[in-house]
N, C-alpha and C. Protein backbone atom coordinates (compact mmCIF):
# COMPACT_ATOMS: atom_id res chain seq x y z
N MET A 1 53.51 61.78 87.81
CA MET A 1 54.86 62.08 88.25
C MET A 1 55.76 62.29 87.04
N ARG A 2 56.57 63.31 87.08
CA ARG A 2 57.47 63.65 85.98
C ARG A 2 58.79 62.90 86.16
N THR A 3 59.24 62.25 85.09
CA THR A 3 60.51 61.55 85.17
C THR A 3 61.62 62.46 84.64
N ILE A 4 62.75 62.36 85.27
CA ILE A 4 63.91 63.13 84.83
C ILE A 4 64.74 62.25 83.91
N LYS A 5 64.96 62.72 82.70
CA LYS A 5 65.75 61.94 81.75
C LYS A 5 67.22 62.22 81.96
N LYS A 6 68.01 61.19 81.78
CA LYS A 6 69.45 61.28 81.95
C LYS A 6 70.07 62.00 80.76
N SER A 7 70.97 62.90 81.07
CA SER A 7 71.69 63.64 80.05
C SER A 7 72.90 62.82 79.61
N ASP A 8 73.16 62.82 78.30
CA ASP A 8 74.32 62.15 77.73
C ASP A 8 75.17 63.17 77.01
N GLN A 9 76.45 62.88 76.88
CA GLN A 9 77.35 63.73 76.13
C GLN A 9 77.65 63.05 74.80
N ILE A 10 77.47 63.81 73.71
CA ILE A 10 77.74 63.25 72.38
C ILE A 10 78.63 64.21 71.59
N GLN A 11 79.28 63.66 70.57
CA GLN A 11 79.99 64.48 69.59
C GLN A 11 78.98 64.77 68.49
N LEU A 12 78.66 66.05 68.32
CA LEU A 12 77.67 66.43 67.32
C LEU A 12 78.36 67.22 66.22
N CYS A 13 78.20 66.74 64.99
CA CYS A 13 78.85 67.35 63.84
C CYS A 13 77.81 68.12 63.03
N PHE A 14 78.19 69.35 62.62
CA PHE A 14 77.26 70.21 61.90
C PHE A 14 77.57 70.33 60.41
N ASP A 15 78.55 69.60 59.92
CA ASP A 15 78.79 69.59 58.47
C ASP A 15 79.02 68.15 58.02
N ASP A 16 78.88 67.90 56.73
CA ASP A 16 78.99 66.52 56.24
C ASP A 16 80.42 66.03 56.09
N LYS A 17 81.40 66.91 56.33
CA LYS A 17 82.81 66.51 56.22
C LYS A 17 83.41 66.13 57.57
N GLY A 18 82.66 66.34 58.63
CA GLY A 18 83.18 66.02 59.96
C GLY A 18 84.09 67.08 60.54
N GLY A 19 84.05 68.29 60.00
CA GLY A 19 84.95 69.35 60.45
C GLY A 19 84.44 70.16 61.62
N GLU A 20 83.13 70.30 61.74
CA GLU A 20 82.53 71.10 62.81
C GLU A 20 81.94 70.18 63.87
N VAL A 21 82.75 69.69 64.79
CA VAL A 21 82.27 68.77 65.82
C VAL A 21 82.36 69.44 67.18
N GLU A 22 81.26 69.38 67.92
CA GLU A 22 81.24 69.89 69.29
C GLU A 22 80.76 68.77 70.21
N VAL A 23 81.29 68.76 71.41
CA VAL A 23 80.83 67.82 72.42
C VAL A 23 79.74 68.53 73.22
N LEU A 24 78.53 67.97 73.20
CA LEU A 24 77.38 68.61 73.82
C LEU A 24 76.60 67.66 74.71
N ASP A 25 75.99 68.22 75.74
CA ASP A 25 75.06 67.47 76.58
C ASP A 25 73.71 67.44 75.89
N VAL A 26 73.11 66.27 75.79
CA VAL A 26 71.80 66.10 75.16
C VAL A 26 70.99 65.11 75.98
N VAL A 27 69.69 65.09 75.73
CA VAL A 27 68.81 64.05 76.24
C VAL A 27 68.25 63.34 75.02
N PHE A 28 68.42 62.01 74.97
CA PHE A 28 67.88 61.25 73.85
C PHE A 28 66.38 61.08 74.01
N ILE A 29 65.66 61.44 72.95
CA ILE A 29 64.22 61.21 72.90
C ILE A 29 63.97 59.85 72.27
N ASP A 30 64.71 59.55 71.23
CA ASP A 30 64.80 58.22 70.64
C ASP A 30 66.19 58.11 70.01
N GLU A 31 66.46 57.06 69.28
CA GLU A 31 67.84 56.84 68.81
C GLU A 31 68.34 57.90 67.83
N ASP A 32 67.43 58.61 67.15
CA ASP A 32 67.89 59.64 66.21
C ASP A 32 67.30 61.02 66.48
N THR A 33 66.82 61.23 67.70
CA THR A 33 66.28 62.53 68.09
C THR A 33 66.78 62.90 69.48
N VAL A 34 67.32 64.12 69.60
CA VAL A 34 67.86 64.57 70.88
C VAL A 34 67.35 65.98 71.20
N ALA A 35 67.29 66.27 72.49
CA ALA A 35 67.02 67.63 72.96
C ALA A 35 68.35 68.17 73.46
N LEU A 36 68.74 69.35 72.98
CA LEU A 36 70.01 69.95 73.38
C LEU A 36 69.91 70.51 74.79
N GLU A 37 70.86 70.16 75.62
CA GLU A 37 70.90 70.60 77.01
C GLU A 37 71.92 71.71 77.23
N GLU A 38 72.56 72.15 76.16
CA GLU A 38 73.47 73.30 76.21
C GLU A 38 73.58 73.90 74.82
N ASN A 39 74.16 75.07 74.75
CA ASN A 39 74.33 75.77 73.48
C ASN A 39 75.62 75.34 72.80
N PRO A 40 75.56 75.04 71.49
CA PRO A 40 76.82 74.88 70.77
C PRO A 40 77.54 76.22 70.75
N ILE A 41 78.84 76.20 70.80
CA ILE A 41 79.61 77.45 70.82
C ILE A 41 79.90 77.95 69.42
N PHE A 42 80.19 77.05 68.51
CA PHE A 42 80.64 77.45 67.19
C PHE A 42 79.58 77.30 66.11
N ASN A 43 78.34 77.07 66.51
CA ASN A 43 77.27 76.91 65.52
C ASN A 43 76.02 77.60 66.02
N ASP A 44 75.46 78.50 65.21
CA ASP A 44 74.29 79.28 65.61
C ASP A 44 72.96 78.72 65.13
N GLN A 45 72.97 77.64 64.35
CA GLN A 45 71.69 77.17 63.82
C GLN A 45 70.83 76.44 64.83
N VAL A 46 71.40 76.02 65.95
CA VAL A 46 70.63 75.38 67.02
C VAL A 46 71.06 75.96 68.36
N SER A 47 70.22 75.77 69.38
CA SER A 47 70.55 76.27 70.71
C SER A 47 69.90 75.41 71.78
N TYR A 48 70.21 75.73 73.03
CA TYR A 48 69.67 75.03 74.18
C TYR A 48 68.15 74.87 74.05
N GLY A 49 67.66 73.65 74.28
CA GLY A 49 66.24 73.38 74.25
C GLY A 49 65.70 72.94 72.90
N ASP A 50 66.48 73.11 71.83
CA ASP A 50 66.03 72.66 70.51
C ASP A 50 65.98 71.13 70.49
N ILE A 51 65.04 70.62 69.72
CA ILE A 51 64.95 69.17 69.49
C ILE A 51 65.40 68.94 68.05
N VAL A 52 66.42 68.11 67.89
CA VAL A 52 67.02 67.92 66.57
C VAL A 52 67.12 66.44 66.21
N ARG A 53 67.05 66.21 64.91
CA ARG A 53 67.26 64.85 64.39
C ARG A 53 68.74 64.70 64.07
N VAL A 54 69.29 63.56 64.42
CA VAL A 54 70.70 63.28 64.19
C VAL A 54 70.84 61.90 63.55
N LYS A 55 72.01 61.66 62.99
CA LYS A 55 72.33 60.35 62.43
C LYS A 55 73.69 59.95 62.97
N LYS A 56 73.76 58.78 63.56
CA LYS A 56 75.03 58.32 64.15
C LYS A 56 75.85 57.57 63.10
N VAL A 57 77.11 58.01 62.96
CA VAL A 57 78.07 57.33 62.10
C VAL A 57 79.30 57.09 62.96
N LYS A 58 79.59 55.83 63.23
CA LYS A 58 80.64 55.44 64.17
C LYS A 58 80.33 56.08 65.51
N GLU A 59 81.20 56.93 66.04
CA GLU A 59 80.97 57.53 67.35
C GLU A 59 80.49 58.98 67.27
N VAL A 60 80.26 59.47 66.06
CA VAL A 60 79.86 60.87 65.87
C VAL A 60 78.41 60.93 65.40
N TYR A 61 77.67 61.88 65.96
CA TYR A 61 76.30 62.14 65.53
C TYR A 61 76.32 63.33 64.58
N TYR A 62 75.63 63.19 63.46
CA TYR A 62 75.56 64.26 62.47
C TYR A 62 74.19 64.94 62.55
N TYR A 63 74.23 66.25 62.61
CA TYR A 63 73.00 67.05 62.63
C TYR A 63 72.29 66.89 61.29
N ILE A 64 71.00 66.57 61.34
CA ILE A 64 70.20 66.42 60.12
C ILE A 64 69.25 67.61 59.97
N GLU A 65 68.45 67.87 61.02
CA GLU A 65 67.48 68.96 60.95
C GLU A 65 66.98 69.30 62.35
N THR A 66 66.44 70.49 62.46
CA THR A 66 65.79 70.90 63.70
C THR A 66 64.32 70.54 63.58
N ILE A 67 63.85 69.76 64.54
CA ILE A 67 62.45 69.33 64.54
C ILE A 67 61.60 70.38 65.25
N LYS A 68 62.11 70.89 66.36
CA LYS A 68 61.37 71.90 67.12
C LYS A 68 62.35 72.86 67.77
N LYS A 69 62.15 74.15 67.50
CA LYS A 69 62.98 75.18 68.12
C LYS A 69 62.53 75.39 69.56
N SER A 70 63.48 75.72 70.39
CA SER A 70 63.19 76.06 71.77
C SER A 70 62.32 77.31 71.81
N GLU A 71 61.53 77.44 72.85
CA GLU A 71 60.74 78.65 73.03
C GLU A 71 61.60 79.77 73.61
N LEU A 72 62.82 79.44 74.02
CA LEU A 72 63.74 80.44 74.56
C LEU A 72 64.57 81.04 73.43
N ILE A 73 64.92 82.30 73.58
CA ILE A 73 65.82 82.92 72.62
C ILE A 73 67.22 82.99 73.22
N LYS A 74 68.22 83.00 72.38
CA LYS A 74 69.60 83.03 72.85
C LYS A 74 70.20 84.41 72.65
N LEU A 75 70.82 84.92 73.71
CA LEU A 75 71.57 86.17 73.67
C LEU A 75 72.99 85.87 74.12
N SER A 76 73.97 86.61 73.62
CA SER A 76 75.34 86.36 74.05
C SER A 76 76.14 87.65 74.09
N TRP A 77 77.12 87.65 75.02
CA TRP A 77 78.04 88.78 75.17
C TRP A 77 79.42 88.26 75.51
N LEU A 78 80.43 88.94 75.02
CA LEU A 78 81.81 88.69 75.42
C LEU A 78 82.12 89.70 76.52
N LEU A 79 82.48 89.22 77.70
CA LEU A 79 82.61 90.06 78.88
C LEU A 79 84.06 90.25 79.31
N SER A 80 84.32 91.41 79.89
CA SER A 80 85.61 91.65 80.51
C SER A 80 85.66 90.87 81.83
N LYS A 81 86.84 90.73 82.38
CA LYS A 81 87.00 90.04 83.66
C LYS A 81 86.20 90.76 84.75
N GLU A 82 86.23 92.10 84.74
CA GLU A 82 85.52 92.88 85.75
C GLU A 82 84.02 92.62 85.70
N VAL A 83 83.46 92.64 84.50
CA VAL A 83 82.02 92.39 84.36
C VAL A 83 81.70 90.94 84.74
N SER A 84 82.54 90.00 84.31
CA SER A 84 82.32 88.59 84.63
C SER A 84 82.25 88.33 86.12
N GLU A 85 82.99 89.12 86.89
CA GLU A 85 83.06 88.91 88.33
C GLU A 85 82.15 89.86 89.12
N SER A 86 81.35 90.65 88.44
CA SER A 86 80.56 91.68 89.12
C SER A 86 79.31 91.11 89.80
N GLN A 87 78.92 91.76 90.87
CA GLN A 87 77.68 91.39 91.56
C GLN A 87 76.47 91.68 90.68
N GLU A 88 76.56 92.74 89.88
CA GLU A 88 75.45 93.09 88.99
C GLU A 88 75.16 91.96 87.99
N LEU A 89 76.23 91.34 87.48
CA LEU A 89 76.04 90.22 86.56
C LEU A 89 75.43 89.03 87.30
N GLU A 90 75.89 88.77 88.51
CA GLU A 90 75.31 87.68 89.30
C GLU A 90 73.82 87.91 89.52
N ASN A 91 73.44 89.16 89.82
CA ASN A 91 72.03 89.50 90.01
C ASN A 91 71.22 89.26 88.74
N LEU A 92 71.80 89.64 87.60
CA LEU A 92 71.12 89.42 86.32
C LEU A 92 70.95 87.93 86.05
N LYS A 93 71.98 87.14 86.29
CA LYS A 93 71.91 85.70 86.08
C LYS A 93 70.85 85.07 86.98
N ASP A 94 70.76 85.53 88.22
CA ASP A 94 69.71 85.04 89.13
C ASP A 94 68.33 85.35 88.58
N LYS A 95 68.18 86.56 88.06
CA LYS A 95 66.90 86.98 87.48
C LYS A 95 66.53 86.09 86.29
N VAL A 96 67.52 85.79 85.45
CA VAL A 96 67.28 84.95 84.28
C VAL A 96 66.80 83.56 84.72
N THR A 97 67.48 82.94 85.66
CA THR A 97 67.09 81.59 86.08
C THR A 97 65.75 81.59 86.82
N LYS A 98 65.45 82.64 87.56
CA LYS A 98 64.16 82.72 88.25
C LYS A 98 63.00 82.91 87.28
N ASN A 99 63.30 83.35 86.06
CA ASN A 99 62.28 83.56 85.04
C ASN A 99 62.34 82.50 83.95
N ALA A 100 62.68 81.27 84.34
CA ALA A 100 62.67 80.10 83.45
C ALA A 100 63.70 80.18 82.34
N GLY A 101 64.78 80.92 82.57
CA GLY A 101 65.86 80.99 81.59
C GLY A 101 67.05 80.16 82.02
N ARG A 102 68.11 80.26 81.24
CA ARG A 102 69.33 79.49 81.52
C ARG A 102 70.53 80.36 81.20
N CYS A 103 71.58 80.23 82.03
CA CYS A 103 72.83 80.97 81.85
C CYS A 103 73.97 79.99 81.65
N GLU A 104 74.85 80.30 80.72
CA GLU A 104 76.07 79.52 80.52
C GLU A 104 77.24 80.49 80.36
N ARG A 105 78.35 80.16 80.99
CA ARG A 105 79.60 80.90 80.75
C ARG A 105 80.56 79.94 80.09
N VAL A 106 81.18 80.41 79.02
CA VAL A 106 82.09 79.58 78.25
C VAL A 106 83.41 80.31 78.12
N PHE A 107 84.49 79.59 78.25
CA PHE A 107 85.84 80.16 78.13
C PHE A 107 86.04 81.33 79.09
N GLY A 108 85.31 81.37 80.18
CA GLY A 108 85.46 82.41 81.18
C GLY A 108 84.73 83.69 80.89
N GLY A 109 84.75 84.17 79.65
CA GLY A 109 84.19 85.49 79.36
C GLY A 109 83.04 85.53 78.38
N LEU A 110 82.63 84.40 77.85
CA LEU A 110 81.50 84.38 76.92
C LEU A 110 80.26 84.00 77.71
N LEU A 111 79.29 84.92 77.76
CA LEU A 111 78.05 84.68 78.47
C LEU A 111 76.95 84.37 77.47
N LEU A 112 76.29 83.23 77.65
CA LEU A 112 75.16 82.83 76.82
C LEU A 112 73.93 82.76 77.70
N LEU A 113 72.88 83.45 77.30
CA LEU A 113 71.62 83.43 78.04
C LEU A 113 70.54 82.90 77.12
N ASN A 114 69.73 82.00 77.64
CA ASN A 114 68.54 81.52 76.94
C ASN A 114 67.36 81.99 77.79
N ILE A 115 66.52 82.83 77.21
CA ILE A 115 65.46 83.46 78.00
C ILE A 115 64.13 83.44 77.24
N PRO A 116 63.03 83.52 77.99
CA PRO A 116 61.74 83.67 77.32
C PRO A 116 61.72 84.98 76.54
N LYS A 117 61.12 84.97 75.37
CA LYS A 117 61.08 86.12 74.47
C LYS A 117 60.57 87.38 75.17
N LYS A 118 59.61 87.23 76.07
CA LYS A 118 59.00 88.41 76.71
C LYS A 118 59.98 89.19 77.58
N PHE A 119 61.12 88.57 77.95
CA PHE A 119 62.12 89.26 78.76
C PHE A 119 63.30 89.80 77.95
N GLU A 120 63.27 89.62 76.64
CA GLU A 120 64.42 89.97 75.81
C GLU A 120 64.85 91.43 75.98
N GLN A 121 63.95 92.38 75.78
CA GLN A 121 64.32 93.80 75.85
C GLN A 121 64.76 94.20 77.24
N GLU A 122 64.12 93.66 78.26
CA GLU A 122 64.49 93.96 79.65
C GLU A 122 65.91 93.48 79.95
N ILE A 123 66.24 92.27 79.53
CA ILE A 123 67.57 91.71 79.78
C ILE A 123 68.62 92.47 78.98
N ILE A 124 68.33 92.80 77.74
CA ILE A 124 69.28 93.58 76.92
C ILE A 124 69.54 94.94 77.57
N ARG A 125 68.48 95.59 78.03
CA ARG A 125 68.61 96.90 78.69
C ARG A 125 69.48 96.79 79.95
N GLU A 126 69.22 95.78 80.78
CA GLU A 126 70.00 95.60 82.00
C GLU A 126 71.45 95.25 81.70
N MET A 127 71.68 94.46 80.65
CA MET A 127 73.04 94.11 80.29
C MET A 127 73.80 95.33 79.80
N LYS A 128 73.16 96.19 79.05
CA LYS A 128 73.80 97.43 78.59
C LYS A 128 74.22 98.29 79.79
N ILE A 129 73.38 98.37 80.80
CA ILE A 129 73.71 99.14 82.00
C ILE A 129 74.93 98.52 82.68
N ILE A 130 74.95 97.21 82.82
CA ILE A 130 76.08 96.52 83.45
C ILE A 130 77.36 96.77 82.66
N LEU A 131 77.29 96.66 81.36
CA LEU A 131 78.49 96.86 80.52
C LEU A 131 78.99 98.30 80.57
N ASN A 132 78.08 99.25 80.71
CA ASN A 132 78.48 100.66 80.75
C ASN A 132 78.96 101.11 82.11
N THR A 133 78.59 100.41 83.19
CA THR A 133 78.99 100.85 84.52
C THR A 133 80.25 100.16 85.00
N GLU A 134 80.61 99.06 84.39
CA GLU A 134 81.83 98.34 84.81
C GLU A 134 83.00 98.78 83.96
N GLY A 135 84.16 98.89 84.60
CA GLY A 135 85.45 99.24 84.02
C GLY A 135 85.44 99.36 82.57
């Protein structure tokens, strides 16, 4: 039987000065290792599904290194309101989740997709069609 691990929210810092801090959902593997349950917005060195080593200082966790990269690749687009609300985008998001991927919308118009590598070109092609057919 597979156990579902509880997700926690932590402050994760990506620089040693404490300037790049994001609040992220993670699953603790042990006290200094976490699996990311969402994509950082302002940092591209890690993404959803990565397993990373961290060090806790007071209430902030500092990124140390990536132990294992996710098998999913991350794609992102900044969308207009029309595209964000389109049925075509909803269909694409359904396709992504049905194919073991993940969709996140941030700030209303930033779309982040984590998908298996084998679907990368197909998803990019479909996204280009959506972007070209909407307003």
